[in-house]
Every structure is written in C-alpha cells, then in structure tokens.
Amino acid sequence: MITAAHAILYSNDAATDREVLAEILRGGRSVDAGGGWLILGLPPAEVAVHPTDGAPQHELHLVCDDVEATVADLTARGVVVEGGITDEGWGLRTTIRLPGGGALGLYQPRHPLAAGPA
C-alpha cells in the first residue's frame, strides 16, 4: 500500500533552498534524516499527468486559497516571487524562485481538488 509521496528538488544551493522551503511551509512537520538532510512535510498532495509533444518533465506547484494574499505574505518574509500573477483559466498562477535557481509554481485553483476534504 502506498502511504505517501516523496518529492526531490535538486539544487545548486540545497542548504539555502531548504531554509526558504521551511519558511514557505512554516508550521509544517520536518525531520532530519541524518547528516543535516532536512525533509519537510507537505500539505495534502495530488498528482496530475498532462500530455506533451516535447520531452517529459516534472513540476512542483504549491496550492493556495488566495494567491494575492499568499504572494504578499511570502514577499514580506523575503521569499522571491517573480513573473506576476497570470490567469490561466484553470487558476491564477505565479512562480516562486528558489535561491539555488529552481522554481516552484504557486497557484489558486479554479478546479476541484483531489487533495484535502471532499
């Protein structure tokens, strides 16, 4: 039986990215897997598979109830949010830039969610 999912982000500055993710996910559970390898708990999650004509790729998006309020809060806490908020039809979306060069999507969905209460 599957009990959880484990996402891995590769970074050129893993220590700083861990600090920023801990700030973004503040209040969440975390564990030290040994040797300083911090593993951060995530909110309930879901996975979707989208078709592509290009090379397969993977993305991680964080979901929020109010993207404008979340961006204001994250920015006030020193998290870099770039590109503005765009209306994608299925939701309002922006990008969180991690210090190690990676990016996370952040969006306020307009579609039903599989994660969380029904």
Protein backbone atom coordinates (compact mmCIF):
# COMPACT_ATOMS: atom_id res chain seq x y z
CA MET A 1 0.00 0.00 0.00
CA ILE A 2 1.29 3.48 -0.90
CA THR A 3 1.44 5.63 2.23
CA ALA A 4 2.99 8.87 0.95
CA ALA A 5 4.82 10.58 -1.89
CA HIS A 6 8.35 11.99 -1.64
CA ALA A 7 9.33 14.82 -3.98
CA ILE A 8 13.01 15.67 -4.54
CA LEU A 9 14.27 19.05 -5.72
CA TYR A 10 17.85 19.21 -7.00
CA SER A 11 19.58 22.49 -6.25
CA ASN A 12 22.88 24.31 -6.65
CA ASP A 13 22.32 25.70 -3.12
CA ALA A 14 20.47 22.97 -1.23
CA ALA A 15 21.03 24.39 2.26
CA THR A 16 19.55 27.79 1.39
CA ASP A 17 16.69 26.25 -0.60
CA ARG A 18 15.84 24.08 2.44
CA GLU A 19 15.71 27.23 4.59
CA VAL A 20 13.44 29.01 2.09
CA LEU A 21 11.13 25.99 1.78
CA ALA A 22 10.94 25.74 5.58
CA GLU A 23 9.93 29.43 5.60
CA ILE A 24 7.31 28.90 2.87
CA LEU A 25 5.87 25.83 4.61
CA ARG A 26 6.26 27.24 8.14
CA GLY A 27 4.46 25.32 10.78
CA GLY A 28 4.76 22.08 8.87
CA ARG A 29 6.41 18.97 10.22
CA SER A 30 10.03 18.32 9.32
CA VAL A 31 12.57 15.66 10.19
CA ASP A 32 16.35 15.41 10.00
CA ALA A 33 17.06 12.21 8.10
CA GLY A 34 20.67 12.37 9.32
CA GLY A 35 23.66 14.45 8.37
CA GLY A 36 21.58 17.62 8.05
CA TRP A 37 19.29 16.18 5.37
CA LEU A 38 16.12 18.04 6.28
CA ILE A 39 12.91 16.53 4.92
CA LEU A 40 9.92 18.88 5.02
CA GLY A 41 6.35 17.70 5.35
CA LEU A 42 3.99 18.94 2.66
CA PRO A 43 0.30 19.75 2.81
CA PRO A 44 -2.05 17.16 1.28
CA ALA A 45 -0.98 16.49 -2.30
CA GLU A 46 -2.31 15.30 -5.62
CA VAL A 47 -0.70 14.33 -8.91
CA ALA A 48 -1.80 15.01 -12.48
CA VAL A 49 -0.41 13.71 -15.76
CA HIS A 50 -0.50 16.13 -18.68
CA PRO A 51 0.22 15.25 -22.31
CA THR A 52 3.24 16.78 -24.05
CA ASP A 53 4.70 16.77 -27.53
CA GLY A 54 8.10 17.68 -26.07
CA ALA A 55 10.43 15.94 -23.66
CA PRO A 56 8.79 14.64 -20.48
CA GLN A 57 9.29 16.92 -17.48
CA HIS A 58 8.12 17.23 -13.89
CA GLU A 59 6.93 20.27 -11.97
CA LEU A 60 6.00 21.01 -8.37
CA HIS A 61 3.25 23.51 -7.64
CA LEU A 62 2.06 24.69 -4.26
CA VAL A 63 -1.67 25.37 -3.98
CA CYS A 64 -3.23 28.24 -2.02
CA ASP A 65 -6.69 29.68 -1.37
CA ASP A 66 -5.78 33.29 -2.21
CA VAL A 67 -2.74 33.77 -4.44
CA GLU A 68 -2.57 37.55 -3.99
CA ALA A 69 -2.57 37.30 -0.17
CA THR A 70 -0.09 34.41 -0.28
CA VAL A 71 2.29 36.32 -2.56
CA ALA A 72 2.09 39.36 -0.26
CA ASP A 73 2.85 37.19 2.77
CA LEU A 74 5.73 35.32 1.12
CA THR A 75 7.26 38.52 -0.25
CA ALA A 76 7.07 40.15 3.20
CA ARG A 77 9.01 37.14 4.56
CA GLY A 78 11.76 37.54 1.94
CA VAL A 79 10.66 34.83 -0.49
CA VAL A 80 11.22 35.77 -4.15
CA VAL A 81 8.05 35.61 -6.23
CA GLU A 82 8.54 36.52 -9.88
CA GLY A 83 6.62 36.99 -13.08
CA GLY A 84 3.45 38.45 -11.62
CA ILE A 85 0.16 36.58 -11.32
CA THR A 86 -1.33 35.25 -14.54
CA ASP A 87 -4.84 33.99 -15.21
CA GLU A 88 -4.50 30.55 -16.79
CA GLY A 89 -8.23 29.83 -16.93
CA TRP A 90 -7.89 26.82 -14.60
CA GLY A 91 -6.45 29.13 -11.91
CA LEU A 92 -4.29 32.09 -11.01
CA ARG A 93 -0.59 31.25 -11.18
CA THR A 94 2.83 32.67 -10.32
CA THR A 95 6.37 31.42 -9.70
CA ILE A 96 8.46 31.16 -6.55
CA ARG A 97 12.20 31.40 -7.31
CA LEU A 98 14.45 29.39 -5.02
CA PRO A 99 17.97 30.65 -4.20
CA GLY A 100 19.53 27.55 -5.84
CA GLY A 101 17.99 28.53 -9.18
CA GLY A 102 14.96 26.24 -9.16
CA ALA A 103 11.37 27.34 -9.40
CA LEU A 104 8.10 26.27 -7.82
CA GLY A 105 4.70 27.07 -9.20
CA LEU A 106 2.15 28.64 -6.88
CA TYR A 107 -1.49 28.76 -7.84
CA GLN A 108 -5.04 29.37 -6.71
CA PRO A 109 -7.11 26.73 -8.49
CA ARG A 110 -10.49 27.18 -10.10
CA HIS A 111 -10.96 23.43 -10.43
CA PRO A 112 -11.94 20.82 -7.86
CA LEU A 113 -9.04 19.39 -5.83
CA ALA A 114 -8.42 15.72 -5.16
CA ALA A 115 -6.39 16.59 -2.03
CA GLY A 116 -7.95 17.63 1.23
CA PRO A 117 -11.55 17.39 2.44
CA ALA A 118 -14.22 16.40 -0.06
